[in-house]
Amino acid sequence: SAQHTSGEHHYFAGLDLTGRRVVVVGAGGVAQRRVPRLIGAGA
């Protein structure tokens, strides 16, 4: 129920990224954590 720090709320949506182009700029520790789930989603 707490607001986002910018004062905005977010809308949840499940994205179908199968076969779709996803660009990740940077290949450090953050990318190392995020990319595997994108791969698992078929992106």
Full PDB file with SEQRES, HELIX, SHEET, SSBOND, CRYST1, ORIGX, SCALE, CONECT and MASTER records, all heavy atoms in Angstrom:
SEQRES   1 A   43  SER ALA GLN HIS THR SER GLY GLU HIS HIS TYR PHE ALA          
SEQRES   2 A   43  GLY LEU ASP LEU THR GLY ARG ARG VAL VAL VAL VAL GLY          
SEQRES   3 A   43  ALA GLY GLY VAL ALA GLN ARG ARG VAL PRO ARG LEU ILE          
SEQRES   4 A   43  GLY ALA GLY ALA                                              
HELIX    1 AA1 GLY A   29  GLY A   40  1                                  12    
CRYST1    1.000    1.000    1.000  90.00  90.00  90.00 P 1           1          
ORIGX1      1.000000  0.000000  0.000000        0.00000                         
ORIGX2      0.000000  1.000000  0.000000        0.00000                         
ORIGX3      0.000000  0.000000  1.000000        0.00000                         
SCALE1      1.000000  0.000000  0.000000        0.00000                         
SCALE2      0.000000  1.000000  0.000000        0.00000                         
SCALE3      0.000000  0.000000  1.000000        0.00000                         
ATOM      1  N   SER A   1       0.815  -1.207   0.000  1.00  0.00           N  
ATOM      2  CA  SER A   1       0.000   0.000   0.000  1.00  0.00           C  
ATOM      3  C   SER A   1       0.851   1.260   0.000  1.00  0.00           C  
ATOM      4  O   SER A   1       0.374   2.350  -0.266  1.00  0.00           O  
ATOM      5  CB  SER A   1      -0.923   0.013   1.229  1.00  0.00           C  
ATOM      6  OG  SER A   1      -0.151  -0.031   2.409  1.00  0.00           O  
ATOM      7  N   ALA A   2       2.147   1.100   0.322  1.00  0.00           N  
ATOM      8  CA  ALA A   2       3.040   2.258   0.301  1.00  0.00           C  
ATOM      9  C   ALA A   2       3.263   2.726  -1.123  1.00  0.00           C  
ATOM     10  O   ALA A   2       3.344   1.930  -2.047  1.00  0.00           O  
ATOM     11  CB  ALA A   2       4.370   1.896   0.956  1.00  0.00           C  
ATOM     12  N   GLN A   3       3.380   4.005  -1.314  1.00  0.00           N  
ATOM     13  CA  GLN A   3       3.589   4.537  -2.646  1.00  0.00           C  
ATOM     14  C   GLN A   3       5.027   4.338  -3.098  1.00  0.00           C  
ATOM     15  O   GLN A   3       5.945   4.213  -2.299  1.00  0.00           O  
ATOM     16  CB  GLN A   3       3.268   6.036  -2.672  1.00  0.00           C  
ATOM     17  CG  GLN A   3       1.769   6.330  -2.689  1.00  0.00           C  
ATOM     18  CD  GLN A   3       1.526   7.785  -3.019  1.00  0.00           C  
ATOM     19  OE1 GLN A   3       2.213   8.669  -2.536  1.00  0.00           O  
ATOM     20  NE2 GLN A   3       0.552   8.026  -3.867  1.00  0.00           N  
ATOM     21  N   HIS A   4       5.196   4.284  -4.399  1.00  0.00           N  
ATOM     22  CA  HIS A   4       6.525   4.273  -4.986  1.00  0.00           C  
ATOM     23  C   HIS A   4       7.218   5.578  -4.630  1.00  0.00           C  
ATOM     24  O   HIS A   4       6.576   6.604  -4.405  1.00  0.00           O  
ATOM     25  CB  HIS A   4       6.382   4.110  -6.507  1.00  0.00           C  
ATOM     26  CG  HIS A   4       7.684   3.977  -7.222  1.00  0.00           C  
ATOM     27  ND1 HIS A   4       8.282   5.029  -7.859  1.00  0.00           N  
ATOM     28  CD2 HIS A   4       8.498   2.928  -7.369  1.00  0.00           C  
ATOM     29  CE1 HIS A   4       9.420   4.623  -8.404  1.00  0.00           C  
ATOM     30  NE2 HIS A   4       9.572   3.357  -8.121  1.00  0.00           N  
ATOM     31  N   THR A   5       8.535   5.537  -4.563  1.00  0.00           N  
ATOM     32  CA  THR A   5       9.274   6.719  -4.119  1.00  0.00           C  
ATOM     33  C   THR A   5       9.028   7.925  -5.017  1.00  0.00           C  
ATOM     34  O   THR A   5       9.180   9.063  -4.581  1.00  0.00           O  
ATOM     35  CB  THR A   5      10.782   6.408  -4.095  1.00  0.00           C  
ATOM     36  OG1 THR A   5      11.164   5.862  -5.361  1.00  0.00           O  
ATOM     37  CG2 THR A   5      11.091   5.404  -3.006  1.00  0.00           C  
ATOM     38  N   SER A   6       8.651   7.700  -6.251  1.00  0.00           N  
ATOM     39  CA  SER A   6       8.372   8.820  -7.146  1.00  0.00           C  
ATOM     40  C   SER A   6       6.943   9.309  -7.007  1.00  0.00           C  
ATOM     41  O   SER A   6       6.538  10.239  -7.694  1.00  0.00           O  
ATOM     42  CB  SER A   6       8.624   8.384  -8.599  1.00  0.00           C  
ATOM     43  OG  SER A   6       7.688   7.387  -8.960  1.00  0.00           O  
ATOM     44  N   GLY A   7       6.168   8.683  -6.130  1.00  0.00           N  
ATOM     45  CA  GLY A   7       4.780   9.062  -5.965  1.00  0.00           C  
ATOM     46  C   GLY A   7       3.868   8.351  -6.937  1.00  0.00           C  
ATOM     47  O   GLY A   7       2.684   8.678  -7.029  1.00  0.00           O  
ATOM     48  N   GLU A   8       4.378   7.390  -7.694  1.00  0.00           N  
ATOM     49  CA  GLU A   8       3.592   6.670  -8.681  1.00  0.00           C  
ATOM     50  C   GLU A   8       3.290   5.264  -8.199  1.00  0.00           C  
ATOM     51  O   GLU A   8       4.017   4.693  -7.406  1.00  0.00           O  
ATOM     52  CB  GLU A   8       4.362   6.593 -10.006  1.00  0.00           C  
ATOM     53  CG  GLU A   8       4.684   7.959 -10.608  1.00  0.00           C  
ATOM     54  CD  GLU A   8       5.543   7.830 -11.848  1.00  0.00           C  
ATOM     55  OE1 GLU A   8       5.965   6.708 -12.152  1.00  0.00           O  
ATOM     56  OE2 GLU A   8       5.799   8.855 -12.491  1.00  0.00           O  
ATOM     57  N   HIS A   9       2.191   4.720  -8.711  1.00  0.00           N  
ATOM     58  CA  HIS A   9       1.879   3.317  -8.508  1.00  0.00           C  
ATOM     59  C   HIS A   9       2.226   2.572  -9.798  1.00  0.00           C  
ATOM     60  O   HIS A   9       2.306   3.167 -10.876  1.00  0.00           O  
ATOM     61  CB  HIS A   9       0.391   3.139  -8.175  1.00  0.00           C  
ATOM     62  CG  HIS A   9       0.021   3.636  -6.824  1.00  0.00           C  
ATOM     63  ND1 HIS A   9       0.326   2.958  -5.667  1.00  0.00           N  
ATOM     64  CD2 HIS A   9      -0.636   4.763  -6.440  1.00  0.00           C  
ATOM     65  CE1 HIS A   9      -0.125   3.625  -4.630  1.00  0.00           C  
ATOM     66  NE2 HIS A   9      -0.712   4.739  -5.070  1.00  0.00           N  
ATOM     67  N   HIS A  10       2.412   1.298  -9.678  1.00  0.00           N  
ATOM     68  CA  HIS A  10       2.740   0.495 -10.854  1.00  0.00           C  
ATOM     69  C   HIS A  10       1.610  -0.456 -11.188  1.00  0.00           C  
ATOM     70  O   HIS A  10       0.844  -0.866 -10.315  1.00  0.00           O  
ATOM     71  CB  HIS A  10       4.038  -0.300 -10.624  1.00  0.00           C  
ATOM     72  CG  HIS A  10       5.243   0.571 -10.578  1.00  0.00           C  
ATOM     73  ND1 HIS A  10       5.865   0.911  -9.395  1.00  0.00           N  
ATOM     74  CD2 HIS A  10       5.937   1.193 -11.563  1.00  0.00           C  
ATOM     75  CE1 HIS A  10       6.894   1.688  -9.655  1.00  0.00           C  
ATOM     76  NE2 HIS A  10       6.958   1.880 -10.955  1.00  0.00           N  
ATOM     77  N   TYR A  11       1.555  -0.795 -12.448  1.00  0.00           N  
ATOM     78  CA  TYR A  11       0.549  -1.729 -12.943  1.00  0.00           C  
ATOM     79  C   TYR A  11       1.230  -3.037 -13.293  1.00  0.00           C  
ATOM     80  O   TYR A  11       2.177  -3.055 -14.084  1.00  0.00           O  
ATOM     81  CB  TYR A  11      -0.133  -1.145 -14.190  1.00  0.00           C  
ATOM     82  CG  TYR A  11      -1.195  -2.039 -14.778  1.00  0.00           C  
ATOM     83  CD1 TYR A  11      -2.471  -2.092 -14.222  1.00  0.00           C  
ATOM     84  CD2 TYR A  11      -0.912  -2.831 -15.887  1.00  0.00           C  
ATOM     85  CE1 TYR A  11      -3.441  -2.916 -14.763  1.00  0.00           C  
ATOM     86  CE2 TYR A  11      -1.878  -3.662 -16.434  1.00  0.00           C  
ATOM     87  CZ  TYR A  11      -3.147  -3.693 -15.869  1.00  0.00           C  
ATOM     88  OH  TYR A  11      -4.101  -4.517 -16.404  1.00  0.00           O  
ATOM     89  N   PHE A  12       0.777  -4.120 -12.659  1.00  0.00           N  
ATOM     90  CA  PHE A  12       1.377  -5.416 -12.941  1.00  0.00           C  
ATOM     91  C   PHE A  12       0.856  -5.964 -14.271  1.00  0.00           C  
ATOM     92  O   PHE A  12      -0.334  -5.879 -14.563  1.00  0.00           O  
ATOM     93  CB  PHE A  12       1.018  -6.420 -11.848  1.00  0.00           C  
ATOM     94  CG  PHE A  12       2.020  -6.486 -10.745  1.00  0.00           C  
ATOM     95  CD1 PHE A  12       1.792  -5.849  -9.545  1.00  0.00           C  
ATOM     96  CD2 PHE A  12       3.196  -7.202 -10.896  1.00  0.00           C  
ATOM     97  CE1 PHE A  12       2.703  -5.907  -8.512  1.00  0.00           C  
ATOM     98  CE2 PHE A  12       4.113  -7.276  -9.882  1.00  0.00           C  
ATOM     99  CZ  PHE A  12       3.876  -6.626  -8.681  1.00  0.00           C  
ATOM    100  N   ALA A  13       1.751  -6.535 -15.044  1.00  0.00           N  
ATOM    101  CA  ALA A  13       1.378  -7.183 -16.294  1.00  0.00           C  
ATOM    102  C   ALA A  13       2.377  -8.295 -16.584  1.00  0.00           C  
ATOM    103  O   ALA A  13       3.574  -8.135 -16.353  1.00  0.00           O  
ATOM    104  CB  ALA A  13       1.355  -6.181 -17.449  1.00  0.00           C  
ATOM    105  N   GLY A  14       1.886  -9.387 -17.087  1.00  0.00           N  
ATOM    106  CA  GLY A  14       2.769 -10.477 -17.486  1.00  0.00           C  
ATOM    107  C   GLY A  14       3.110 -10.323 -18.951  1.00  0.00           C  
ATOM    108  O   GLY A  14       2.229 -10.374 -19.817  1.00  0.00           O  
ATOM    109  N   LEU A  15       4.370 -10.093 -19.247  1.00  0.00           N  
ATOM    110  CA  LEU A  15       4.793  -9.855 -20.630  1.00  0.00           C  
ATOM    111  C   LEU A  15       5.146 -11.169 -21.317  1.00  0.00           C  
ATOM    112  O   LEU A  15       5.925 -11.963 -20.783  1.00  0.00           O  
ATOM    113  CB  LEU A  15       6.004  -8.922 -20.659  1.00  0.00           C  
ATOM    114  CG  LEU A  15       5.823  -7.530 -20.045  1.00  0.00           C  
ATOM    115  CD1 LEU A  15       7.119  -6.736 -20.195  1.00  0.00           C  
ATOM    116  CD2 LEU A  15       4.661  -6.791 -20.694  1.00  0.00           C  
ATOM    117  N   ASP A  16       4.605 -11.357 -22.492  1.00  0.00           N  
ATOM    118  CA  ASP A  16       4.991 -12.506 -23.319  1.00  0.00           C  
ATOM    119  C   ASP A  16       6.149 -12.056 -24.205  1.00  0.00           C  
ATOM    120  O   ASP A  16       5.950 -11.386 -25.221  1.00  0.00           O  
ATOM    121  CB  ASP A  16       3.814 -12.979 -24.160  1.00  0.00           C  
ATOM    122  CG  ASP A  16       4.172 -14.195 -25.021  1.00  0.00           C  
ATOM    123  OD1 ASP A  16       5.319 -14.684 -24.917  1.00  0.00           O  
ATOM    124  OD2 ASP A  16       3.311 -14.646 -25.798  1.00  0.00           O  
ATOM    125  N   LEU A  17       7.364 -12.424 -23.810  1.00  0.00           N  
ATOM    126  CA  LEU A  17       8.556 -11.993 -24.543  1.00  0.00           C  
ATOM    127  C   LEU A  17       9.115 -13.077 -25.451  1.00  0.00           C  
ATOM    128  O   LEU A  17      10.202 -12.919 -26.010  1.00  0.00           O  
ATOM    129  CB  LEU A  17       9.636 -11.547 -23.549  1.00  0.00           C  
ATOM    130  CG  LEU A  17       9.288 -10.322 -22.693  1.00  0.00           C  
ATOM    131  CD1 LEU A  17      10.397 -10.052 -21.691  1.00  0.00           C  
ATOM    132  CD2 LEU A  17       9.052  -9.097 -23.570  1.00  0.00           C  
ATOM    133  N   THR A  18       8.381 -14.152 -25.621  1.00  0.00           N  
ATOM    134  CA  THR A  18       8.868 -15.270 -26.421  1.00  0.00           C  
ATOM    135  C   THR A  18       9.213 -14.829 -27.838  1.00  0.00           C  
ATOM    136  O   THR A  18       8.359 -14.306 -28.576  1.00  0.00           O  
ATOM    137  CB  THR A  18       7.821 -16.395 -26.491  1.00  0.00           C  
ATOM    138  OG1 THR A  18       7.474 -16.784 -25.168  1.00  0.00           O  
ATOM    139  CG2 THR A  18       8.363 -17.591 -27.256  1.00  0.00           C  
ATOM    140  N   GLY A  19      10.480 -15.011 -28.226  1.00  0.00           N  
ATOM    141  CA  GLY A  19      10.920 -14.673 -29.569  1.00  0.00           C  
ATOM    142  C   GLY A  19      11.060 -13.183 -29.833  1.00  0.00           C  
ATOM    143  O   GLY A  19      11.393 -12.785 -30.952  1.00  0.00           O  
ATOM    144  N   ARG A  20      10.807 -12.362 -28.809  1.00  0.00           N  
ATOM    145  CA  ARG A  20      10.859 -10.916 -29.010  1.00  0.00           C  
ATOM    146  C   ARG A  20      12.203 -10.348 -28.540  1.00  0.00           C  
ATOM    147  O   ARG A  20      12.798 -10.843 -27.593  1.00  0.00           O  
ATOM    148  CB  ARG A  20       9.703 -10.242 -28.276  1.00  0.00           C  
ATOM    149  CG  ARG A  20       8.343 -10.635 -28.870  1.00  0.00           C  
ATOM    150  CD  ARG A  20       7.201  -9.863 -28.227  1.00  0.00           C  
ATOM    151  NE  ARG A  20       5.979 -10.022 -29.004  1.00  0.00           N  
ATOM    152  CZ  ARG A  20       5.023 -10.912 -28.728  1.00  0.00           C  
ATOM    153  NH1 ARG A  20       5.152 -11.708 -27.690  1.00  0.00           N  
ATOM    154  NH2 ARG A  20       3.951 -10.997 -29.490  1.00  0.00           N  
ATOM    155  N   ARG A  21      12.615  -9.283 -29.211  1.00  0.00           N  
ATOM    156  CA  ARG A  21      13.930  -8.701 -28.938  1.00  0.00           C  
ATOM    157  C   ARG A  21      13.921  -7.916 -27.631  1.00  0.00           C  
ATOM    158  O   ARG A  21      13.105  -7.021 -27.438  1.00  0.00           O  
ATOM    159  CB  ARG A  21      14.354  -7.785 -30.089  1.00  0.00           C  
ATOM    160  CG  ARG A  21      15.764  -7.212 -29.947  1.00  0.00           C  
ATOM    161  CD  ARG A  21      16.181  -6.488 -31.223  1.00  0.00           C  
ATOM    162  NE  ARG A  21      17.560  -6.034 -31.140  1.00  0.00           N  
ATOM    163  CZ  ARG A  21      17.938  -4.762 -30.965  1.00  0.00           C  
ATOM    164  NH1 ARG A  21      17.014  -3.813 -30.864  1.00  0.00           N  
ATOM    165  NH2 ARG A  21      19.212  -4.439 -30.897  1.00  0.00           N  
ATOM    166  N   VAL A  22      14.830  -8.280 -26.750  1.00  0.00           N  
ATOM    167  CA  VAL A  22      15.037  -7.568 -25.496  1.00  0.00           C  
ATOM    168  C   VAL A  22      16.485  -7.121 -25.462  1.00  0.00           C  
ATOM    169  O   VAL A  22      17.396  -7.920 -25.678  1.00  0.00           O  
ATOM    170  CB  VAL A  22      14.715  -8.458 -24.281  1.00  0.00           C  
ATOM    171  CG1 VAL A  22      15.128  -7.761 -22.987  1.00  0.00           C  
ATOM    172  CG2 VAL A  22      13.234  -8.808 -24.250  1.00  0.00           C  
ATOM    173  N   VAL A  23      16.700  -5.839 -25.177  1.00  0.00           N  
ATOM    174  CA  VAL A  23      18.058  -5.285 -25.167  1.00  0.00           C  
ATOM    175  C   VAL A  23      18.476  -5.003 -23.731  1.00  0.00           C  
ATOM    176  O   VAL A  23      17.752  -4.340 -22.975  1.00  0.00           O  
ATOM    177  CB  VAL A  23      18.134  -3.994 -26.002  1.00  0.00           C  
ATOM    178  CG1 VAL A  23      19.532  -3.376 -25.888  1.00  0.00           C  
ATOM    179  CG2 VAL A  23      17.801  -4.290 -27.461  1.00  0.00           C  
ATOM    180  N   VAL A  24      19.633  -5.511 -23.372  1.00  0.00           N  
ATOM    181  CA  VAL A  24      20.212  -5.273 -22.054  1.00  0.00           C  
ATOM    182  C   VAL A  24      21.512  -4.504 -22.271  1.00  0.00           C  
ATOM    183  O   VAL A  24      22.436  -5.009 -22.918  1.00  0.00           O  
ATOM    184  CB  VAL A  24      20.493  -6.596 -21.309  1.00  0.00           C  
ATOM    185  CG1 VAL A  24      21.141  -6.314 -19.956  1.00  0.00           C  
ATOM    186  CG2 VAL A  24      19.204  -7.382 -21.125  1.00  0.00           C  
ATOM    187  N   VAL A  25      21.576  -3.298 -21.764  1.00  0.00           N  
ATOM    188  CA  VAL A  25      22.780  -2.479 -21.912  1.00  0.00           C  
ATOM    189  C   VAL A  25      23.568  -2.579 -20.610  1.00  0.00           C  
ATOM    190  O   VAL A  25      23.120  -2.127 -19.550  1.00  0.00           O  
ATOM    191  CB  VAL A  25      22.428  -1.018 -22.224  1.00  0.00           C  
ATOM    192  CG1 VAL A  25      23.707  -0.180 -22.329  1.00  0.00           C  
ATOM    193  CG2 VAL A  25      21.623  -0.926 -23.518  1.00  0.00           C  
ATOM    194  N   GLY A  26      24.737  -3.193 -20.708  1.00  0.00           N  
ATOM    195  CA  GLY A  26      25.555  -3.474 -19.527  1.00  0.00           C  
ATOM    196  C   GLY A  26      25.611  -4.977 -19.321  1.00  0.00           C  
ATOM    197  O   GLY A  26      24.638  -5.691 -19.582  1.00  0.00           O  
ATOM    198  N   ALA A  27      26.764  -5.445 -18.882  1.00  0.00           N  
ATOM    199  CA  ALA A  27      26.934  -6.899 -18.709  1.00  0.00           C  
ATOM    200  C   ALA A  27      27.669  -7.196 -17.411  1.00  0.00           C  
ATOM    201  O   ALA A  27      28.491  -8.103 -17.332  1.00  0.00           O  
ATOM    202  CB  ALA A  27      27.694  -7.487 -19.895  1.00  0.00           C  
ATOM    203  N   GLY A  28      27.345  -6.429 -16.384  1.00  0.00           N  
ATOM    204  CA  GLY A  28      27.948  -6.638 -15.076  1.00  0.00           C  
ATOM    205  C   GLY A  28      27.085  -7.503 -14.188  1.00  0.00           C  
ATOM    206  O   GLY A  28      26.330  -8.357 -14.653  1.00  0.00           O  
ATOM    207  N   GLY A  29      27.183  -7.241 -12.880  1.00  0.00           N  
ATOM    208  CA  GLY A  29      26.468  -8.064 -11.918  1.00  0.00           C  
ATOM    209  C   GLY A  29      24.965  -7.997 -12.050  1.00  0.00           C  
ATOM    210  O   GLY A  29      24.269  -8.993 -11.856  1.00  0.00           O  
ATOM    211  N   VAL A  30      24.417  -6.816 -12.373  1.00  0.00           N  
ATOM    212  CA  VAL A  30      22.964  -6.694 -12.523  1.00  0.00           C  
ATOM    213  C   VAL A  30      22.481  -7.525 -13.700  1.00  0.00           C  
ATOM    214  O   VAL A  30      21.494  -8.264 -13.613  1.00  0.00           O  
ATOM    215  CB  VAL A  30      22.548  -5.217 -12.697  1.00  0.00           C  
ATOM    216  CG1 VAL A  30      21.051  -5.115 -12.981  1.00  0.00           C  
ATOM    217  CG2 VAL A  30      22.908  -4.416 -11.464  1.00  0.00           C  
ATOM    218  N   ALA A  31      23.172  -7.422 -14.830  1.00  0.00           N  
ATOM    219  CA  ALA A  31      22.805  -8.215 -15.998  1.00  0.00           C  
ATOM    220  C   ALA A  31      22.907  -9.708 -15.691  1.00  0.00           C  
ATOM    221  O   ALA A  31      22.067 -10.509 -16.124  1.00  0.00           O  
ATOM    222  CB  ALA A  31      23.699  -7.854 -17.180  1.00  0.00           C  
ATOM    223  N   GLN A  32      23.932 -10.066 -14.957  1.00  0.00           N  
ATOM    224  CA  GLN A  32      24.123 -11.473 -14.601  1.00  0.00           C  
ATOM    225  C   GLN A  32      22.912 -12.012 -13.839  1.00  0.00           C  
ATOM    226  O   GLN A  32      22.549 -13.182 -13.993  1.00  0.00           O  
ATOM    227  CB  GLN A  32      25.384 -11.602 -13.747  1.00  0.00           C  
ATOM    228  CG  GLN A  32      25.762 -13.023 -13.407  1.00  0.00           C  
ATOM    229  CD  GLN A  32      27.113 -13.081 -12.712  1.00  0.00           C  
ATOM    230  OE1 GLN A  32      28.009 -12.307 -13.009  1.00  0.00           O  
ATOM    231  NE2 GLN A  32      27.250 -13.998 -11.773  1.00  0.00           N  
ATOM    232  N   ARG A  33      22.255 -11.162 -13.034  1.00  0.00           N  
ATOM    233  CA  ARG A  33      21.080 -11.588 -12.289  1.00  0.00           C  
ATOM    234  C   ARG A  33      19.810 -11.567 -13.141  1.00  0.00           C  
ATOM    235  O   ARG A  33      18.945 -12.410 -13.000  1.00  0.00           O  
ATOM    236  CB  ARG A  33      20.877 -10.698 -11.063  1.00  0.00           C  
ATOM    237  CG  ARG A  33      21.968 -10.816 -10.023  1.00  0.00           C  
ATOM    238  CD  ARG A  33      21.533 -10.201  -8.703  1.00  0.00           C  
ATOM    239  NE  ARG A  33      21.125  -8.809  -8.834  1.00  0.00           N  
ATOM    240  CZ  ARG A  33      21.941  -7.786  -8.701  1.00  0.00           C  
ATOM    241  NH1 ARG A  33      23.231  -7.995  -8.459  1.00  0.00           N  
ATOM    242  NH2 ARG A  33      21.493  -6.543  -8.818  1.00  0.00           N  
ATOM    243  N   ARG A  34      19.696 -10.568 -14.018  1.00  0.00           N  
ATOM    244  CA  ARG A  34      18.449 -10.364 -14.750  1.00  0.00           C  
ATOM    245  C   ARG A  34      18.328 -11.214 -16.015  1.00  0.00           C  
ATOM    246  O   ARG A  34      17.230 -11.639 -16.381  1.00  0.00           O  
ATOM    247  CB  ARG A  34      18.324  -8.882 -15.134  1.00  0.00           C  
ATOM    248  CG  ARG A  34      18.344  -7.921 -13.950  1.00  0.00           C  
ATOM    249  CD  ARG A  34      17.028  -7.909 -13.214  1.00  0.00           C  
ATOM    250  NE  ARG A  34      17.106  -7.088 -12.013  1.00  0.00           N  
ATOM    251  CZ  ARG A  34      16.976  -5.771 -11.975  1.00  0.00           C  
ATOM    252  NH1 ARG A  34      16.767  -5.101 -13.098  1.00  0.00           N  
ATOM    253  NH2 ARG A  34      17.054  -5.119 -10.833  1.00  0.00           N  
ATOM    254  N   VAL A  35      19.436 -11.416 -16.701  1.00  0.00           N  
ATOM    255  CA  VAL A  35      19.376 -12.084 -18.013  1.00  0.00           C  
ATOM    256  C   VAL A  35      18.841 -13.511 -17.942  1.00  0.00           C  
ATOM    257  O   VAL A  35      18.057 -13.916 -18.806  1.00  0.00           O  
ATOM    258  CB  VAL A  35      20.764 -12.033 -18.695  1.00  0.00           C  
ATOM    259  CG1 VAL A  35      20.819 -12.960 -19.909  1.00  0.00           C  
ATOM    260  CG2 VAL A  35      21.085 -10.602 -19.112  1.00  0.00           C  
ATOM    261  N   PRO A  36      19.240 -14.332 -16.966  1.00  0.00           N  
ATOM    262  CA  PRO A  36      18.727 -15.714 -16.958  1.00  0.00           C  
ATOM    263  C   PRO A  36      17.203 -15.813 -16.972  1.00  0.00           C  
ATOM    264  O   PRO A  36      16.633 -16.675 -17.658  1.00  0.00           O  
ATOM    265  CB  PRO A  36      19.304 -16.294 -15.663  1.00  0.00           C  
ATOM    266  CG  PRO A  36      20.577 -15.535 -15.458  1.00  0.00           C  
ATOM    267  CD  PRO A  36      20.257 -14.150 -15.902  1.00  0.00           C  
ATOM    268  N   ARG A  37      16.503 -14.927 -16.257  1.00  0.00           N  
ATOM    269  CA  ARG A  37      15.038 -14.988 -16.260  1.00  0.00           C  
ATOM    270  C   ARG A  37      14.480 -14.561 -17.611  1.00  0.00           C  
ATOM    271  O   ARG A  37      13.455 -15.074 -18.067  1.00  0.00           O  
ATOM    272  CB  ARG A  37      14.468 -14.123 -15.138  1.00  0.00           C  
ATOM    273  CG  ARG A  37      12.977 -14.361 -14.919  1.00  0.00           C  
ATOM    274  CD  ARG A  37      12.485 -13.721 -13.650  1.00  0.00           C  
ATOM    275  NE  ARG A  37      13.074 -14.329 -12.462  1.00  0.00           N  
ATOM    276  CZ  ARG A  37      12.649 -15.466 -11.922  1.00  0.00           C  
ATOM    277  NH1 ARG A  37      11.651 -16.127 -12.473  1.00  0.00           N  
ATOM    278  NH2 ARG A  37      13.232 -15.943 -10.836  1.00  0.00           N  
ATOM    279  N   LEU A  38      15.132 -13.608 -18.263  1.00  0.00           N  
ATOM    280  CA  LEU A  38      14.700 -13.222 -19.609  1.00  0.00           C  
ATOM    281  C   LEU A  38      14.887 -14.381 -20.586  1.00  0.00           C  
ATOM    282  O   LEU A  38      14.029 -14.621 -21.445  1.00  0.00           O  
ATOM    283  CB  LEU A  38      15.492 -11.996 -20.073  1.00  0.00           C  
ATOM    284  CG  LEU A  38      15.198 -10.688 -19.326  1.00  0.00           C  
ATOM    285  CD1 LEU A  38      16.219  -9.629 -19.708  1.00  0.00           C  
ATOM    286  CD2 LEU A  38      13.782 -10.204 -19.635  1.00  0.00           C  
ATOM    287  N   ILE A  39      16.005 -15.083 -20.449  1.00  0.00           N  
ATOM    288  CA  ILE A  39      16.225 -16.266 -21.287  1.00  0.00           C  
ATOM    289  C   ILE A  39      15.141 -17.294 -21.023  1.00  0.00           C  
ATOM    290  O   ILE A  39      14.564 -17.884 -21.945  1.00  0.00           O  
ATOM    291  CB  ILE A  39      17.614 -16.872 -21.010  1.00  0.00           C  
ATOM    292  CG1 ILE A  39      18.720 -15.907 -21.441  1.00  0.00           C  
ATOM    293  CG2 ILE A  39      17.772 -18.217 -21.724  1.00  0.00           C  
ATOM    294  CD1 ILE A  39      20.110 -16.344 -21.030  1.00  0.00           C  
ATOM    295  N   GLY A  40      14.841 -17.507 -19.727  1.00  0.00           N  
ATOM    296  CA  GLY A  40      13.815 -18.472 -19.365  1.00  0.00           C  
ATOM    297  C   GLY A  40      12.448 -18.107 -19.897  1.00  0.00           C  
ATOM    298  O   GLY A  40      11.607 -18.984 -20.130  1.00  0.00           O  
ATOM    299  N   ALA A  41      12.197 -16.802 -20.107  1.00  0.00           N  
ATOM    300  CA  ALA A  41      10.919 -16.356 -20.646  1.00  0.00           C  
ATOM    301  C   ALA A  41      10.864 -16.496 -22.169  1.00  0.00           C  
ATOM    302  O   ALA A  41       9.834 -16.186 -22.776  1.00  0.00           O  
ATOM    303  CB  ALA A  41      10.667 -14.905 -20.250  1.00  0.00           C  
ATOM    304  N   GLY A  42      11.962 -16.943 -22.760  1.00  0.00           N  
ATOM    305  CA  GLY A  42      11.978 -17.158 -24.209  1.00  0.00           C  
ATOM    306  C   GLY A  42      12.350 -15.930 -25.015  1.00  0.00           C  
ATOM    307  O   GLY A  42      12.207 -15.924 -26.247  1.00  0.00           O  
ATOM    308  N   ALA A  43      12.812 -14.869 -24.349  1.00  0.00           N  
ATOM    309  CA  ALA A  43      13.158 -13.643 -25.066  1.00  0.00           C  
ATOM    310  C   ALA A  43      14.403 -13.830 -25.921  1.00  0.00           C  
ATOM    311  O   ALA A  43      15.265 -14.668 -25.622  1.00  0.00           O  
ATOM    312  CB  ALA A  43      13.385 -12.501 -24.069  1.00  0.00           C  
TER     313      ALA A  43                                                      
MASTER        0    0    0    1    0    0    0    6  312    1    0    4          
END                                                                             
